[in-house]
Amino acid sequence: MIDFLNQYLKEINRKIKDGKNQNWNEVLENHRETIKFMQHERLIHLLVTLTFGILFMVSIMFSLVYQFVILITIDFLLLILLVPYIFHYFRLENGVQKMYWIDKLIEEKIKD
């Protein structure tokens, strides 16, 4: 998904820089559809990240109370999964924020 986002951002930035002979209303409409798609993707990843975070916290609490080796192993495995999810969500969030700024640039092109 990050590759798709990066490729899309390169493509839309190229369109904005070249800028000539573009139907900006169509570009804006397509851009907003892509924003909706990425917002949905971001929501799903947020839910997954929150779920793993909650599972990790519950697992830590059980580990502190019961102190079994298997629980510490589960804590470690959940942490291994949680950290990449956090970074992935962070990258998705930043990409969508860039898309909002690009939306404003396209609106300015339409006004000009």
Protein backbone atom coordinates (compact mmCIF):
# COMPACT_ATOMS: atom_id res chain seq x y z
CA MET A 1 0.00 0.00 0.00
CA ILE A 2 2.87 2.36 0.77
CA ASP A 3 4.31 1.67 -2.69
CA PHE A 4 0.95 2.53 -4.26
CA LEU A 5 0.78 5.74 -2.24
CA ASN A 6 4.32 6.80 -3.13
CA GLN A 7 3.77 6.07 -6.82
CA TYR A 8 0.50 8.00 -6.80
CA LEU A 9 2.11 11.00 -5.07
CA LYS A 10 4.91 11.06 -7.66
CA GLU A 11 2.38 10.90 -10.49
CA ILE A 12 0.11 13.64 -9.13
CA ASN A 13 3.07 15.90 -8.32
CA ARG A 14 4.31 15.44 -11.89
CA LYS A 15 0.87 16.45 -13.19
CA ILE A 16 0.88 19.55 -11.01
CA LYS A 17 4.40 20.57 -12.08
CA ASP A 18 3.76 19.97 -15.79
CA GLY A 19 0.36 21.52 -15.35
CA LYS A 20 -0.44 22.31 -18.95
CA ASN A 21 -3.40 20.85 -20.80
CA GLN A 22 -4.87 19.20 -17.72
CA ASN A 23 -8.55 18.95 -17.00
CA TRP A 24 -8.14 20.03 -13.38
CA ASN A 25 -11.73 19.27 -12.41
CA GLU A 26 -11.24 15.67 -13.52
CA VAL A 27 -7.86 15.48 -11.79
CA LEU A 28 -9.45 16.81 -8.58
CA GLU A 29 -12.30 14.31 -8.79
CA ASN A 30 -9.89 11.40 -9.30
CA HIS A 31 -7.66 12.71 -6.52
CA ARG A 32 -10.55 12.88 -4.07
CA GLU A 33 -11.53 9.30 -4.94
CA THR A 34 -7.98 8.22 -4.20
CA ILE A 35 -8.11 10.14 -0.90
CA LYS A 36 -11.28 8.23 0.05
CA PHE A 37 -9.58 4.94 -0.78
CA MET A 38 -6.50 5.84 1.28
CA GLN A 39 -8.65 7.07 4.19
CA HIS A 40 -10.39 3.70 4.25
CA GLU A 41 -7.03 1.94 4.13
CA ARG A 42 -5.77 4.17 6.94
CA LEU A 43 -8.85 3.40 9.06
CA ILE A 44 -8.37 -0.35 8.66
CA HIS A 45 -4.71 -0.07 9.64
CA LEU A 46 -5.62 2.11 12.62
CA LEU A 47 -8.06 -0.54 13.84
CA VAL A 48 -5.48 -3.29 13.41
CA THR A 49 -2.82 -1.23 15.18
CA LEU A 50 -5.17 -0.41 18.07
CA THR A 51 -6.18 -4.05 18.35
CA PHE A 52 -2.57 -5.19 18.57
CA GLY A 53 -1.83 -2.40 21.05
CA ILE A 54 -4.70 -3.43 23.29
CA LEU A 55 -3.74 -7.10 23.04
CA PHE A 56 -0.17 -6.17 23.93
CA MET A 57 -1.26 -4.18 27.00
CA VAL A 58 -3.58 -6.95 28.20
CA SER A 59 -0.83 -9.48 27.67
CA ILE A 60 1.61 -7.32 29.66
CA MET A 61 -0.89 -7.09 32.52
CA PHE A 62 -1.36 -10.87 32.56
CA SER A 63 2.43 -11.31 32.47
CA LEU A 64 2.85 -9.06 35.48
CA VAL A 65 0.18 -10.91 37.44
CA TYR A 66 0.89 -14.54 36.50
CA GLN A 67 4.57 -14.41 35.44
CA PHE A 68 4.59 -17.42 33.12
CA VAL A 69 7.32 -17.71 30.50
CA ILE A 70 4.75 -18.33 27.77
CA LEU A 71 3.07 -15.00 28.54
CA ILE A 72 6.39 -13.16 28.23
CA THR A 73 6.91 -14.91 24.90
CA ILE A 74 3.47 -13.77 23.76
CA ASP A 75 4.34 -10.21 24.89
CA PHE A 76 7.49 -10.31 22.82
CA LEU A 77 5.69 -11.66 19.73
CA LEU A 78 2.95 -9.03 20.00
CA LEU A 79 5.58 -6.32 20.34
CA ILE A 80 7.34 -7.61 17.22
CA LEU A 81 4.03 -7.26 15.34
CA LEU A 82 3.00 -3.96 16.92
CA VAL A 83 6.10 -1.92 16.08
CA PRO A 84 5.89 -2.44 12.27
CA TYR A 85 2.14 -1.74 12.38
CA ILE A 86 2.82 1.57 14.13
CA PHE A 87 5.42 2.58 11.54
CA HIS A 88 3.18 1.51 8.66
CA TYR A 89 0.22 3.48 10.04
CA PHE A 90 2.49 6.49 10.56
CA ARG A 91 3.56 6.36 6.91
CA LEU A 92 -0.06 6.02 5.73
CA GLU A 93 -1.11 8.97 7.89
CA ASN A 94 1.66 11.18 6.53
CA GLY A 95 0.81 10.17 2.97
CA VAL A 96 -2.85 11.09 3.40
CA GLN A 97 -1.84 14.42 4.94
CA LYS A 98 0.27 15.10 1.83
CA MET A 99 -2.74 14.26 -0.28
CA TYR A 100 -4.78 16.91 1.55
CA TRP A 101 -2.16 19.54 0.65
CA ILE A 102 -2.17 18.36 -2.95
CA ASP A 103 -5.96 18.72 -2.96
CA LYS A 104 -5.51 22.39 -2.06
CA LEU A 105 -2.93 22.83 -4.84
CA ILE A 106 -5.33 21.35 -7.40
CA GLU A 107 -8.12 23.64 -6.16
CA GLU A 108 -5.76 26.60 -6.69
CA LYS A 109 -5.05 25.38 -10.25
CA ILE A 110 -8.80 25.31 -10.91
CA LYS A 111 -9.19 28.88 -9.64
CA ASP A 112 -6.36 30.11 -11.87
